[in-house]
């Protein structure tokens, strides 16, 4: 018996690993993907993703053409959270299963640096789908905008900043709040505003200025 058999992955995951192997050299050639998930609740072990929304940033400019959005078939339904995200179990939205969703998500993100607000939750939800299908966790570097904002020292409070807090601080109008794509877009605006503040402190930004907000 060969105890050291190499684990095999589906083709889409192999392509994802190939993409991840391409390293970033400068911020100018780095693609950021801002993402958000809407879920049935806040328990990363029991709740499910209902929708994913992403938008790309290149050279610190939002690329409206670079977007991804998908809705997932709801195996679990929590009527208490419907009033927050508005996603019904049935309805007219085209939905895909978890496997198709994660396959399309990985294809879209490639080797991008991922950006999210309070990113640990969204990453854990994505990883739970990967784990369910016997796939390793996300390999991308992750930037958490709530942590990145504190690095600017613009406000010296130690409290956790919600997305609403930062939108209000930056005077960003909150359209489509609590939709995955809407929150991804708001987070992208917060990310760009925050990087401008960071540049005032650090001067010309480099990749290393973001490493302390990776996890």
N, C-alpha and C. Protein backbone atom coordinates (compact mmCIF):
# COMPACT_ATOMS: atom_id res chain seq x y z
N UNK A 1 0.85 -1.21 0.00
CA UNK A 1 0.00 0.00 0.00
C UNK A 1 0.88 1.25 0.00
N UNK A 2 0.53 2.23 -0.83
CA UNK A 2 1.30 3.47 -0.91
C UNK A 2 0.67 4.51 0.00
N UNK A 3 1.35 4.78 1.13
CA UNK A 3 0.82 5.74 2.11
C UNK A 3 1.03 7.18 1.67
N UNK A 4 1.79 7.37 0.59
CA UNK A 4 2.14 8.73 0.17
C UNK A 4 1.53 9.09 -1.18
N UNK A 5 0.35 8.55 -1.44
CA UNK A 5 -0.34 8.85 -2.68
C UNK A 5 -0.68 10.35 -2.73
N UNK A 6 -0.32 10.97 -3.84
CA UNK A 6 -0.56 12.40 -3.99
C UNK A 6 -2.06 12.65 -4.13
N UNK A 7 -2.57 13.62 -3.38
CA UNK A 7 -3.99 13.92 -3.43
C UNK A 7 -4.34 14.54 -4.77
N UNK A 8 -5.42 14.08 -5.37
CA UNK A 8 -5.85 14.61 -6.64
C UNK A 8 -7.03 15.58 -6.43
N UNK A 9 -7.05 16.62 -7.23
CA UNK A 9 -8.10 17.63 -7.14
C UNK A 9 -8.80 17.75 -8.49
N UNK A 10 -10.02 18.25 -8.49
CA UNK A 10 -10.71 18.49 -9.77
C UNK A 10 -9.98 19.54 -10.59
N UNK A 11 -10.22 19.53 -11.89
CA UNK A 11 -9.49 20.42 -12.79
C UNK A 11 -9.62 21.89 -12.41
N UNK A 12 -10.80 22.31 -11.98
CA UNK A 12 -10.98 23.73 -11.65
C UNK A 12 -10.10 24.14 -10.47
N UNK A 13 -9.89 23.22 -9.52
CA UNK A 13 -9.04 23.55 -8.37
C UNK A 13 -7.56 23.54 -8.77
N UNK A 14 -7.18 22.66 -9.67
CA UNK A 14 -5.80 22.67 -10.17
C UNK A 14 -5.49 23.98 -10.88
N UNK A 15 -6.46 24.48 -11.65
CA UNK A 15 -6.27 25.76 -12.34
C UNK A 15 -6.16 26.91 -11.33
N UNK A 16 -6.93 26.79 -10.26
CA UNK A 16 -6.84 27.80 -9.18
C UNK A 16 -5.45 27.78 -8.56
N UNK A 17 -4.91 26.60 -8.29
CA UNK A 17 -3.56 26.50 -7.70
C UNK A 17 -2.51 27.06 -8.66
N UNK A 18 -2.69 26.82 -9.96
CA UNK A 18 -1.77 27.38 -10.95
C UNK A 18 -1.82 28.90 -10.92
N UNK A 19 -3.01 29.45 -10.79
CA UNK A 19 -3.17 30.91 -10.74
C UNK A 19 -2.51 31.47 -9.48
N UNK A 20 -2.71 30.80 -8.35
CA UNK A 20 -2.14 31.25 -7.08
C UNK A 20 -0.62 31.26 -7.12
N UNK A 21 -0.04 30.35 -7.90
CA UNK A 21 1.43 30.25 -7.99
C UNK A 21 2.06 31.47 -8.64
N UNK A 22 1.27 32.27 -9.36
CA UNK A 22 1.79 33.49 -9.99
C UNK A 22 1.84 34.59 -8.93
N UNK A 23 3.04 35.04 -8.61
CA UNK A 23 3.23 36.00 -7.51
C UNK A 23 3.06 37.45 -7.97
N UNK A 24 2.66 38.29 -7.03
CA UNK A 24 2.57 39.72 -7.29
C UNK A 24 3.92 40.37 -7.03
N UNK A 25 4.30 41.30 -7.89
CA UNK A 25 5.57 42.01 -7.72
C UNK A 25 5.38 43.45 -7.25
N UNK A 26 4.44 44.13 -7.82
CA UNK A 26 4.18 45.53 -7.45
C UNK A 26 2.68 45.73 -7.25
N UNK A 27 2.33 46.81 -6.60
CA UNK A 27 0.91 47.13 -6.43
C UNK A 27 0.24 47.39 -7.77
N UNK A 28 0.99 47.95 -8.70
CA UNK A 28 0.41 48.28 -10.00
C UNK A 28 -0.05 47.03 -10.75
N UNK A 29 0.65 45.91 -10.58
CA UNK A 29 0.24 44.69 -11.29
C UNK A 29 -0.60 43.76 -10.41
N UNK A 30 -1.03 44.27 -9.26
CA UNK A 30 -1.82 43.47 -8.33
C UNK A 30 -3.31 43.73 -8.51
N UNK A 31 -4.05 42.66 -8.66
CA UNK A 31 -5.51 42.76 -8.72
C UNK A 31 -6.07 42.45 -7.33
N UNK A 32 -6.87 43.36 -6.83
CA UNK A 32 -7.60 43.13 -5.59
C UNK A 32 -9.04 42.74 -5.97
N UNK A 33 -9.59 41.81 -5.24
CA UNK A 33 -11.01 41.46 -5.40
C UNK A 33 -11.69 41.66 -4.05
N UNK A 34 -12.63 42.59 -4.03
CA UNK A 34 -13.40 42.87 -2.82
C UNK A 34 -14.62 41.96 -2.84
N UNK A 35 -14.86 41.24 -1.75
CA UNK A 35 -15.97 40.29 -1.77
C UNK A 35 -16.78 40.33 -0.49
N UNK A 36 -18.01 39.84 -0.60
CA UNK A 36 -18.91 39.77 0.54
C UNK A 36 -19.83 38.57 0.35
N UNK A 37 -20.31 38.04 1.46
CA UNK A 37 -21.29 36.96 1.40
C UNK A 37 -22.52 37.34 2.23
N UNK A 38 -23.66 36.92 1.77
CA UNK A 38 -24.88 36.98 2.58
C UNK A 38 -25.19 35.56 3.01
N UNK A 39 -25.56 35.38 4.26
CA UNK A 39 -25.69 34.04 4.82
C UNK A 39 -26.99 33.88 5.60
N UNK A 40 -27.27 32.63 5.98
CA UNK A 40 -28.48 32.35 6.77
C UNK A 40 -28.31 32.76 8.23
N UNK A 41 -27.09 33.09 8.64
CA UNK A 41 -26.83 33.48 10.03
C UNK A 41 -25.34 33.68 10.23
N UNK A 42 -24.93 33.76 11.48
CA UNK A 42 -23.54 34.09 11.81
C UNK A 42 -22.75 32.93 12.37
N UNK A 43 -23.30 31.73 12.33
CA UNK A 43 -22.60 30.54 12.81
C UNK A 43 -21.86 29.90 11.63
N UNK A 44 -20.54 30.01 11.62
CA UNK A 44 -19.76 29.55 10.46
C UNK A 44 -19.78 28.03 10.30
N UNK A 45 -20.18 27.32 11.34
CA UNK A 45 -20.22 25.85 11.25
C UNK A 45 -21.59 25.34 10.80
N UNK A 46 -22.63 26.09 11.08
CA UNK A 46 -23.97 25.60 10.78
C UNK A 46 -24.70 26.38 9.69
N UNK A 47 -24.41 27.67 9.56
CA UNK A 47 -25.13 28.48 8.58
C UNK A 47 -24.53 28.33 7.18
N UNK A 48 -25.31 28.78 6.19
CA UNK A 48 -24.94 28.59 4.79
C UNK A 48 -24.88 29.92 4.05
N UNK A 49 -24.07 29.94 2.98
CA UNK A 49 -23.99 31.11 2.12
C UNK A 49 -25.21 31.15 1.20
N UNK A 50 -25.83 32.31 1.12
CA UNK A 50 -26.97 32.52 0.23
C UNK A 50 -26.56 33.21 -1.07
N UNK A 51 -25.58 34.09 -0.97
CA UNK A 51 -25.12 34.80 -2.16
C UNK A 51 -23.69 35.29 -1.95
N UNK A 52 -22.98 35.47 -3.08
CA UNK A 52 -21.63 36.03 -3.08
C UNK A 52 -21.60 37.20 -4.04
N UNK A 53 -20.89 38.23 -3.67
CA UNK A 53 -20.71 39.38 -4.55
C UNK A 53 -19.27 39.83 -4.53
N UNK A 54 -18.72 40.14 -5.70
CA UNK A 54 -17.31 40.56 -5.80
C UNK A 54 -17.17 41.69 -6.82
N UNK A 55 -16.15 42.50 -6.60
CA UNK A 55 -15.80 43.53 -7.58
C UNK A 55 -14.28 43.71 -7.57
N UNK A 56 -13.72 43.90 -8.75
CA UNK A 56 -12.26 43.99 -8.88
C UNK A 56 -11.74 45.42 -8.78
N UNK A 57 -10.51 45.51 -8.29
CA UNK A 57 -9.79 46.79 -8.23
C UNK A 57 -8.41 46.58 -8.83
N UNK A 58 -8.04 47.43 -9.77
CA UNK A 58 -6.72 47.37 -10.39
C UNK A 58 -6.13 48.77 -10.38
N UNK A 59 -4.88 48.88 -9.93
CA UNK A 59 -4.20 50.17 -9.85
C UNK A 59 -5.04 51.18 -9.05
N UNK A 60 -5.69 50.67 -7.98
CA UNK A 60 -6.50 51.47 -7.06
C UNK A 60 -7.66 52.18 -7.76
N UNK A 61 -8.21 51.51 -8.76
CA UNK A 61 -9.43 51.98 -9.42
C UNK A 61 -10.41 50.82 -9.49
N UNK A 62 -11.66 51.10 -9.15
CA UNK A 62 -12.69 50.07 -9.25
C UNK A 62 -12.99 49.79 -10.72
N UNK A 63 -12.99 48.53 -11.08
CA UNK A 63 -13.31 48.12 -12.44
C UNK A 63 -14.74 47.60 -12.46
N UNK A 64 -15.66 48.43 -12.91
CA UNK A 64 -17.08 48.06 -12.91
C UNK A 64 -17.31 46.81 -13.77
N UNK A 65 -16.49 46.63 -14.81
CA UNK A 65 -16.66 45.46 -15.69
C UNK A 65 -16.17 44.17 -15.04
N UNK A 66 -15.41 44.31 -13.97
CA UNK A 66 -14.82 43.15 -13.28
C UNK A 66 -15.66 42.80 -12.06
N UNK A 67 -16.76 42.10 -12.29
CA UNK A 67 -17.68 41.77 -11.20
C UNK A 67 -18.08 40.30 -11.24
N UNK A 68 -18.46 39.81 -10.09
CA UNK A 68 -18.98 38.43 -9.98
C UNK A 68 -20.11 38.43 -8.96
N UNK A 69 -21.18 37.74 -9.31
CA UNK A 69 -22.31 37.62 -8.39
C UNK A 69 -22.97 36.28 -8.61
N UNK A 70 -23.30 35.60 -7.54
CA UNK A 70 -24.08 34.37 -7.68
C UNK A 70 -24.96 34.16 -6.47
N UNK A 71 -26.06 33.48 -6.71
CA UNK A 71 -27.00 33.12 -5.65
C UNK A 71 -27.03 31.60 -5.52
N UNK A 72 -27.06 31.13 -4.29
CA UNK A 72 -26.97 29.70 -4.04
C UNK A 72 -28.34 29.11 -3.68
N UNK A 73 -28.55 27.88 -4.12
CA UNK A 73 -29.75 27.15 -3.74
C UNK A 73 -29.78 27.02 -2.23
N UNK A 74 -30.90 27.32 -1.63
CA UNK A 74 -31.00 27.33 -0.17
C UNK A 74 -31.45 25.97 0.36
N UNK A 75 -30.49 25.22 0.87
CA UNK A 75 -30.82 23.96 1.56
C UNK A 75 -31.31 24.26 2.97
N UNK A 76 -30.84 25.38 3.51
CA UNK A 76 -31.26 25.80 4.84
C UNK A 76 -31.94 27.16 4.71
N UNK A 77 -33.03 27.33 5.42
CA UNK A 77 -33.77 28.59 5.34
C UNK A 77 -33.99 29.15 6.74
N UNK A 78 -33.65 30.41 6.91
CA UNK A 78 -33.84 31.09 8.20
C UNK A 78 -34.68 32.34 7.96
N UNK A 79 -35.96 32.25 8.27
CA UNK A 79 -36.87 33.36 7.97
C UNK A 79 -36.51 34.62 8.74
N UNK A 80 -35.78 34.48 9.86
CA UNK A 80 -35.41 35.64 10.67
C UNK A 80 -34.43 36.56 9.94
N UNK A 81 -33.60 35.98 9.07
CA UNK A 81 -32.59 36.80 8.38
C UNK A 81 -33.09 37.35 7.04
N UNK A 82 -34.27 36.93 6.59
CA UNK A 82 -34.80 37.41 5.31
C UNK A 82 -34.99 38.92 5.34
N UNK A 83 -35.41 39.46 6.50
CA UNK A 83 -35.64 40.91 6.60
C UNK A 83 -34.33 41.69 6.48
N UNK A 84 -33.19 41.02 6.63
CA UNK A 84 -31.89 41.69 6.49
C UNK A 84 -31.44 41.66 5.03
N UNK A 85 -31.38 40.45 4.44
CA UNK A 85 -30.84 40.33 3.09
C UNK A 85 -31.90 40.23 2.00
N UNK A 86 -33.14 39.93 2.37
CA UNK A 86 -34.24 39.91 1.40
C UNK A 86 -34.25 38.72 0.46
N UNK A 87 -33.45 37.68 0.75
CA UNK A 87 -33.36 36.53 -0.15
C UNK A 87 -34.32 35.42 0.30
N UNK A 88 -35.27 35.10 -0.56
CA UNK A 88 -36.25 34.07 -0.26
C UNK A 88 -35.73 32.71 -0.69
N UNK A 89 -36.30 31.66 -0.11
CA UNK A 89 -35.85 30.31 -0.45
C UNK A 89 -36.12 29.99 -1.90
N UNK A 90 -37.29 30.40 -2.39
CA UNK A 90 -37.61 30.20 -3.79
C UNK A 90 -37.44 31.53 -4.53
N UNK A 91 -38.39 31.97 -5.26
CA UNK A 91 -38.24 33.25 -5.96
C UNK A 91 -37.71 33.06 -7.37
N UNK A 92 -37.51 34.19 -8.06
CA UNK A 92 -37.18 34.15 -9.49
C UNK A 92 -35.68 34.21 -9.78
N UNK A 93 -34.85 34.43 -8.76
CA UNK A 93 -33.41 34.52 -8.98
C UNK A 93 -32.84 33.17 -9.43
N UNK A 94 -31.95 33.22 -10.42
CA UNK A 94 -31.28 32.00 -10.85
C UNK A 94 -30.26 31.60 -9.78
N UNK A 95 -30.33 30.34 -9.33
CA UNK A 95 -29.46 29.88 -8.25
C UNK A 95 -28.68 28.64 -8.67
N UNK A 96 -27.50 28.48 -8.06
CA UNK A 96 -26.66 27.32 -8.34
C UNK A 96 -26.36 26.61 -7.03
N UNK A 97 -25.89 25.36 -7.13
CA UNK A 97 -25.53 24.65 -5.90
C UNK A 97 -24.16 25.10 -5.41
N UNK A 98 -23.79 24.67 -4.21
CA UNK A 98 -22.54 25.12 -3.59
C UNK A 98 -21.32 24.77 -4.44
N UNK A 99 -21.32 23.60 -5.01
CA UNK A 99 -20.16 23.14 -5.79
C UNK A 99 -19.94 24.05 -7.00
N UNK A 100 -21.02 24.34 -7.72
CA UNK A 100 -20.92 25.22 -8.88
C UNK A 100 -20.51 26.63 -8.45
N UNK A 101 -21.04 27.08 -7.31
CA UNK A 101 -20.71 28.42 -6.82
C UNK A 101 -19.24 28.55 -6.48
N UNK A 102 -18.69 27.57 -5.77
CA UNK A 102 -17.28 27.66 -5.36
C UNK A 102 -16.36 27.51 -6.56
N UNK A 103 -16.78 26.70 -7.53
CA UNK A 103 -15.98 26.54 -8.75
C UNK A 103 -15.90 27.87 -9.50
N UNK A 104 -17.03 28.54 -9.64
CA UNK A 104 -17.05 29.83 -10.35
C UNK A 104 -16.33 30.92 -9.57
N UNK A 105 -16.45 30.87 -8.24
CA UNK A 105 -15.79 31.86 -7.39
C UNK A 105 -14.27 31.75 -7.52
N UNK A 106 -13.73 30.54 -7.44
CA UNK A 106 -12.28 30.35 -7.54
C UNK A 106 -11.75 30.74 -8.92
N UNK A 107 -12.53 30.43 -9.94
CA UNK A 107 -12.13 30.82 -11.29
C UNK A 107 -12.07 32.34 -11.41
N UNK A 108 -13.03 33.02 -10.80
CA UNK A 108 -13.07 34.48 -10.87
C UNK A 108 -11.93 35.14 -10.10
N UNK A 109 -11.66 34.68 -8.87
CA UNK A 109 -10.68 35.39 -8.04
C UNK A 109 -9.25 35.13 -8.48
N UNK A 110 -8.95 33.93 -8.98
CA UNK A 110 -7.58 33.62 -9.37
C UNK A 110 -6.60 33.91 -8.25
N UNK A 111 -5.53 34.64 -8.56
CA UNK A 111 -4.51 34.94 -7.54
C UNK A 111 -4.69 36.32 -6.92
N UNK A 112 -5.86 36.90 -7.08
CA UNK A 112 -6.10 38.24 -6.53
C UNK A 112 -5.92 38.27 -5.02
N UNK A 113 -5.54 39.43 -4.50
CA UNK A 113 -5.58 39.64 -3.06
C UNK A 113 -7.03 39.96 -2.71
N UNK A 114 -7.59 39.20 -1.80
CA UNK A 114 -8.99 39.37 -1.43
C UNK A 114 -9.14 40.45 -0.36
N UNK A 115 -10.20 41.21 -0.47
CA UNK A 115 -10.49 42.28 0.49
C UNK A 115 -11.91 42.09 1.00
N UNK A 116 -12.08 42.17 2.31
CA UNK A 116 -13.42 42.06 2.89
C UNK A 116 -13.43 42.82 4.22
N UNK A 117 -14.61 43.17 4.67
CA UNK A 117 -14.75 43.84 5.96
C UNK A 117 -15.11 42.79 7.00
N UNK A 118 -14.33 42.76 8.10
CA UNK A 118 -14.42 41.66 9.07
C UNK A 118 -14.30 40.34 8.32
N UNK A 119 -13.19 40.23 7.60
CA UNK A 119 -12.98 39.18 6.60
C UNK A 119 -13.02 37.77 7.17
N UNK A 120 -12.69 37.60 8.44
CA UNK A 120 -12.60 36.25 9.01
C UNK A 120 -13.91 35.48 8.82
N UNK A 121 -15.03 36.16 8.94
CA UNK A 121 -16.31 35.48 8.80
C UNK A 121 -16.52 35.00 7.37
N UNK A 122 -16.36 35.90 6.40
CA UNK A 122 -16.59 35.53 5.01
C UNK A 122 -15.63 34.44 4.55
N UNK A 123 -14.38 34.55 4.97
CA UNK A 123 -13.39 33.53 4.62
C UNK A 123 -13.78 32.18 5.22
N UNK A 124 -14.22 32.18 6.46
CA UNK A 124 -14.63 30.93 7.11
C UNK A 124 -15.82 30.30 6.39
N UNK A 125 -16.73 31.12 5.91
CA UNK A 125 -17.89 30.59 5.19
C UNK A 125 -17.48 29.98 3.85
N UNK A 126 -16.57 30.64 3.15
CA UNK A 126 -16.05 30.07 1.89
C UNK A 126 -15.31 28.77 2.18
N UNK A 127 -14.46 28.79 3.21
CA UNK A 127 -13.69 27.59 3.54
C UNK A 127 -14.58 26.42 3.95
N UNK A 128 -15.73 26.71 4.53
CA UNK A 128 -16.62 25.62 4.93
C UNK A 128 -17.16 24.89 3.70
N UNK A 129 -17.39 25.62 2.62
CA UNK A 129 -17.83 24.97 1.38
C UNK A 129 -16.68 24.13 0.80
N UNK A 130 -15.48 24.71 0.79
CA UNK A 130 -14.32 23.98 0.29
C UNK A 130 -14.10 22.69 1.08
N UNK A 131 -14.17 22.80 2.39
CA UNK A 131 -13.98 21.63 3.25
C UNK A 131 -15.04 20.56 2.98
N UNK A 132 -16.25 20.99 2.79
CA UNK A 132 -17.36 20.06 2.52
C UNK A 132 -17.09 19.23 1.28
N UNK A 133 -16.37 19.82 0.32
CA UNK A 133 -16.08 19.13 -0.94
C UNK A 133 -14.64 18.61 -0.98
N UNK A 134 -14.06 18.44 0.22
CA UNK A 134 -12.72 17.85 0.36
C UNK A 134 -11.64 18.64 -0.38
N UNK A 135 -11.77 19.96 -0.33
CA UNK A 135 -10.78 20.84 -0.95
C UNK A 135 -10.11 21.69 0.13
N UNK A 136 -8.84 22.06 -0.08
CA UNK A 136 -8.13 22.89 0.92
C UNK A 136 -8.73 24.29 1.03
N UNK A 137 -8.32 24.98 2.07
CA UNK A 137 -8.80 26.34 2.32
C UNK A 137 -8.28 27.31 1.25
N UNK A 138 -8.88 28.49 1.23
CA UNK A 138 -8.44 29.55 0.33
C UNK A 138 -6.94 29.80 0.47
N UNK A 139 -6.27 30.00 -0.64
CA UNK A 139 -4.83 30.25 -0.64
C UNK A 139 -4.48 31.73 -0.82
N UNK A 140 -5.46 32.53 -1.18
CA UNK A 140 -5.20 33.96 -1.45
C UNK A 140 -4.81 34.70 -0.18
N UNK A 141 -4.04 35.76 -0.36
CA UNK A 141 -3.82 36.70 0.73
C UNK A 141 -5.11 37.48 0.94
N UNK A 142 -5.36 37.85 2.19
CA UNK A 142 -6.61 38.53 2.54
C UNK A 142 -6.30 39.85 3.25
N UNK A 143 -6.99 40.89 2.85
CA UNK A 143 -6.91 42.18 3.55
C UNK A 143 -8.25 42.44 4.21
N UNK A 144 -8.22 42.73 5.49
CA UNK A 144 -9.43 43.07 6.24
C UNK A 144 -9.48 44.59 6.38
N UNK A 145 -10.50 45.21 5.80
CA UNK A 145 -10.57 46.68 5.82
C UNK A 145 -10.74 47.24 7.23
N UNK A 146 -11.33 46.47 8.14
CA UNK A 146 -11.47 46.97 9.51
C UNK A 146 -10.11 47.07 10.19
N UNK A 147 -9.21 46.14 9.86
CA UNK A 147 -7.84 46.18 10.40
C UNK A 147 -7.02 47.24 9.66
N UNK A 148 -7.17 47.29 8.35
CA UNK A 148 -6.41 48.24 7.55
C UNK A 148 -6.71 49.68 7.97
N UNK A 149 -7.97 49.95 8.27
CA UNK A 149 -8.35 51.30 8.69
C UNK A 149 -7.60 51.72 9.96
N UNK A 150 -7.46 50.79 10.90
CA UNK A 150 -6.77 51.13 12.15
C UNK A 150 -5.30 51.45 11.91
N UNK A 151 -4.72 50.92 10.82
CA UNK A 151 -3.32 51.20 10.52
C UNK A 151 -3.10 52.64 10.08
N UNK A 152 -4.17 53.31 9.68
CA UNK A 152 -4.03 54.71 9.25
C UNK A 152 -3.84 55.65 10.44
N UNK A 153 -4.30 55.20 11.62
CA UNK A 153 -4.29 56.02 12.83
C UNK A 153 -5.09 57.31 12.67
N UNK A 154 -6.00 57.29 11.72
CA UNK A 154 -6.86 58.45 11.48
C UNK A 154 -7.74 58.72 12.70
N UNK A 155 -8.28 57.66 13.26
CA UNK A 155 -9.02 57.72 14.51
C UNK A 155 -8.37 56.73 15.46
N UNK A 156 -8.06 57.15 16.67
CA UNK A 156 -7.25 56.33 17.57
C UNK A 156 -8.07 55.47 18.52
N UNK A 157 -9.36 55.33 18.25
CA UNK A 157 -10.18 54.45 19.08
C UNK A 157 -9.85 52.99 18.76
N UNK A 158 -9.98 52.14 19.75
CA UNK A 158 -9.65 50.72 19.57
C UNK A 158 -10.89 49.87 19.28
N UNK A 159 -12.06 50.49 19.23
CA UNK A 159 -13.29 49.74 19.01
C UNK A 159 -13.27 49.09 17.63
N UNK A 160 -14.02 47.99 17.45
CA UNK A 160 -14.16 47.42 16.11
C UNK A 160 -15.05 48.32 15.26
N UNK A 161 -14.64 48.60 14.04
CA UNK A 161 -15.40 49.47 13.15
C UNK A 161 -16.25 48.63 12.22
N UNK A 162 -17.55 48.86 12.25
CA UNK A 162 -18.45 48.16 11.33
C UNK A 162 -18.35 48.82 9.96
N UNK A 163 -18.91 48.16 8.95
CA UNK A 163 -18.94 48.76 7.62
C UNK A 163 -19.76 50.04 7.64
N UNK A 164 -20.86 50.04 8.39
CA UNK A 164 -21.66 51.27 8.53
C UNK A 164 -20.84 52.40 9.13
N UNK A 165 -20.04 52.09 10.17
CA UNK A 165 -19.19 53.10 10.81
C UNK A 165 -18.27 53.78 9.80
N UNK A 166 -17.61 52.96 8.98
CA UNK A 166 -16.63 53.52 8.05
C UNK A 166 -17.31 54.23 6.88
N UNK A 167 -18.45 53.72 6.46
CA UNK A 167 -19.19 54.44 5.41
C UNK A 167 -19.60 55.82 5.92
N UNK A 168 -20.03 55.89 7.15
CA UNK A 168 -20.41 57.18 7.74
C UNK A 168 -19.20 58.10 7.89
N UNK A 169 -18.08 57.55 8.35
CA UNK A 169 -16.86 58.35 8.51
C UNK A 169 -16.38 58.92 7.18
N UNK A 170 -16.48 58.11 6.12
CA UNK A 170 -16.02 58.54 4.80
C UNK A 170 -17.13 59.19 3.98
N UNK A 171 -18.30 59.35 4.58
CA UNK A 171 -19.45 59.98 3.91
C UNK A 171 -19.80 59.25 2.60
N UNK A 172 -19.84 57.94 2.70
CA UNK A 172 -20.23 57.09 1.56
C UNK A 172 -21.71 56.75 1.71
N UNK A 173 -22.49 57.03 0.69
CA UNK A 173 -23.91 56.71 0.72
C UNK A 173 -24.09 55.20 0.64
N UNK A 174 -24.90 54.66 1.54
CA UNK A 174 -25.04 53.20 1.64
C UNK A 174 -26.21 52.69 0.81
N UNK A 175 -25.96 52.54 -0.49
CA UNK A 175 -26.95 51.95 -1.38
C UNK A 175 -26.80 50.43 -1.36
N UNK A 176 -27.90 49.70 -1.49
CA UNK A 176 -27.89 48.24 -1.57
C UNK A 176 -27.18 47.58 -0.39
N UNK A 177 -27.33 48.19 0.78
CA UNK A 177 -26.73 47.61 1.99
C UNK A 177 -27.39 46.26 2.27
N UNK A 178 -26.55 45.30 2.73
CA UNK A 178 -26.96 43.94 3.05
C UNK A 178 -27.38 43.13 1.81
N UNK A 179 -26.80 43.51 0.67
CA UNK A 179 -26.75 42.59 -0.47
C UNK A 179 -25.27 42.31 -0.68
N UNK A 180 -24.94 41.11 -1.16
CA UNK A 180 -23.52 40.75 -1.28
C UNK A 180 -22.79 41.70 -2.23
N UNK A 181 -23.38 41.96 -3.39
CA UNK A 181 -22.73 42.86 -4.35
C UNK A 181 -22.70 44.30 -3.85
N UNK A 182 -23.79 44.72 -3.21
CA UNK A 182 -23.83 46.07 -2.66
C UNK A 182 -22.80 46.29 -1.59
N UNK A 183 -22.68 45.33 -0.68
CA UNK A 183 -21.69 45.45 0.40
C UNK A 183 -20.26 45.33 -0.13
N UNK A 184 -20.07 44.52 -1.17
CA UNK A 184 -18.74 44.43 -1.78
C UNK A 184 -18.34 45.78 -2.37
N UNK A 185 -19.28 46.45 -3.03
CA UNK A 185 -19.00 47.76 -3.62
C UNK A 185 -18.70 48.80 -2.54
N UNK A 186 -19.50 48.79 -1.46
CA UNK A 186 -19.25 49.72 -0.36
C UNK A 186 -17.89 49.46 0.27
N UNK A 187 -17.55 48.19 0.45
CA UNK A 187 -16.25 47.83 1.03
C UNK A 187 -15.12 48.27 0.11
N UNK A 188 -15.34 48.17 -1.21
CA UNK A 188 -14.33 48.64 -2.17
C UNK A 188 -14.08 50.14 -2.02
N UNK A 189 -15.16 50.91 -1.85
CA UNK A 189 -15.02 52.36 -1.64
C UNK A 189 -14.28 52.65 -0.33
N UNK A 190 -14.62 51.91 0.72
CA UNK A 190 -13.94 52.07 2.01
C UNK A 190 -12.45 51.72 1.86
N UNK A 191 -12.16 50.65 1.14
CA UNK A 191 -10.77 50.23 0.90
C UNK A 191 -9.98 51.34 0.22
N UNK A 192 -10.55 51.94 -0.83
CA UNK A 192 -9.85 53.00 -1.56
C UNK A 192 -9.66 54.25 -0.71
N UNK A 193 -10.68 54.61 0.06
CA UNK A 193 -10.56 55.77 0.96
C UNK A 193 -9.49 55.51 2.02
N UNK A 194 -9.46 54.29 2.51
CA UNK A 194 -8.50 53.94 3.56
C UNK A 194 -7.08 53.94 3.02
N UNK A 195 -6.88 53.44 1.80
CA UNK A 195 -5.53 53.42 1.23
C UNK A 195 -5.01 54.84 1.00
N UNK A 196 -5.92 55.77 0.69
CA UNK A 196 -5.49 57.17 0.54
C UNK A 196 -4.98 57.73 1.87
N UNK A 197 -5.69 57.40 2.95
CA UNK A 197 -5.24 57.84 4.28
C UNK A 197 -3.91 57.19 4.63
N UNK A 198 -3.78 55.92 4.29
CA UNK A 198 -2.54 55.20 4.58
C UNK A 198 -1.37 55.80 3.82
N UNK A 199 -1.62 56.22 2.58
CA UNK A 199 -0.57 56.83 1.77
C UNK A 199 -0.10 58.15 2.35
N UNK A 200 -1.00 58.88 3.04
CA UNK A 200 -0.60 60.13 3.68
C UNK A 200 0.41 59.88 4.79
N UNK A 201 0.28 58.74 5.46
CA UNK A 201 1.21 58.38 6.53
C UNK A 201 2.48 57.74 6.03
N UNK A 202 2.32 56.87 5.00
CA UNK A 202 3.43 56.03 4.56
C UNK A 202 4.14 56.55 3.33
N UNK A 203 3.52 57.48 2.60
CA UNK A 203 4.08 57.89 1.32
C UNK A 203 3.63 56.91 0.25
N UNK A 204 4.43 56.67 -0.76
CA UNK A 204 4.07 55.75 -1.84
C UNK A 204 3.86 54.35 -1.27
N UNK A 205 2.70 53.80 -1.52
CA UNK A 205 2.37 52.49 -0.95
C UNK A 205 3.02 51.36 -1.73
N UNK A 206 3.40 50.35 -1.00
CA UNK A 206 3.95 49.13 -1.59
C UNK A 206 3.20 47.93 -1.00
N UNK A 207 3.42 46.78 -1.59
CA UNK A 207 2.73 45.59 -1.12
C UNK A 207 2.95 45.34 0.37
N UNK A 208 4.15 45.64 0.85
CA UNK A 208 4.47 45.36 2.25
C UNK A 208 3.59 46.16 3.22
N UNK A 209 3.05 47.29 2.78
CA UNK A 209 2.20 48.09 3.67
C UNK A 209 0.88 47.40 3.97
N UNK A 210 0.52 46.40 3.17
CA UNK A 210 -0.72 45.68 3.39
C UNK A 210 -0.52 44.37 4.14
N UNK A 211 0.72 43.96 4.29
CA UNK A 211 0.97 42.62 4.86
C UNK A 211 0.50 42.50 6.30
N UNK A 212 0.51 43.58 7.05
CA UNK A 212 0.09 43.50 8.45
C UNK A 212 -1.42 43.37 8.57
N UNK A 213 -2.13 43.56 7.47
CA UNK A 213 -3.58 43.37 7.53
C UNK A 213 -4.00 42.05 6.90
N UNK A 214 -2.98 41.24 6.50
CA UNK A 214 -3.28 39.89 6.03
C UNK A 214 -3.51 39.01 7.27
N UNK A 215 -4.22 37.93 7.08
CA UNK A 215 -4.33 36.95 8.15
C UNK A 215 -4.44 35.56 7.56
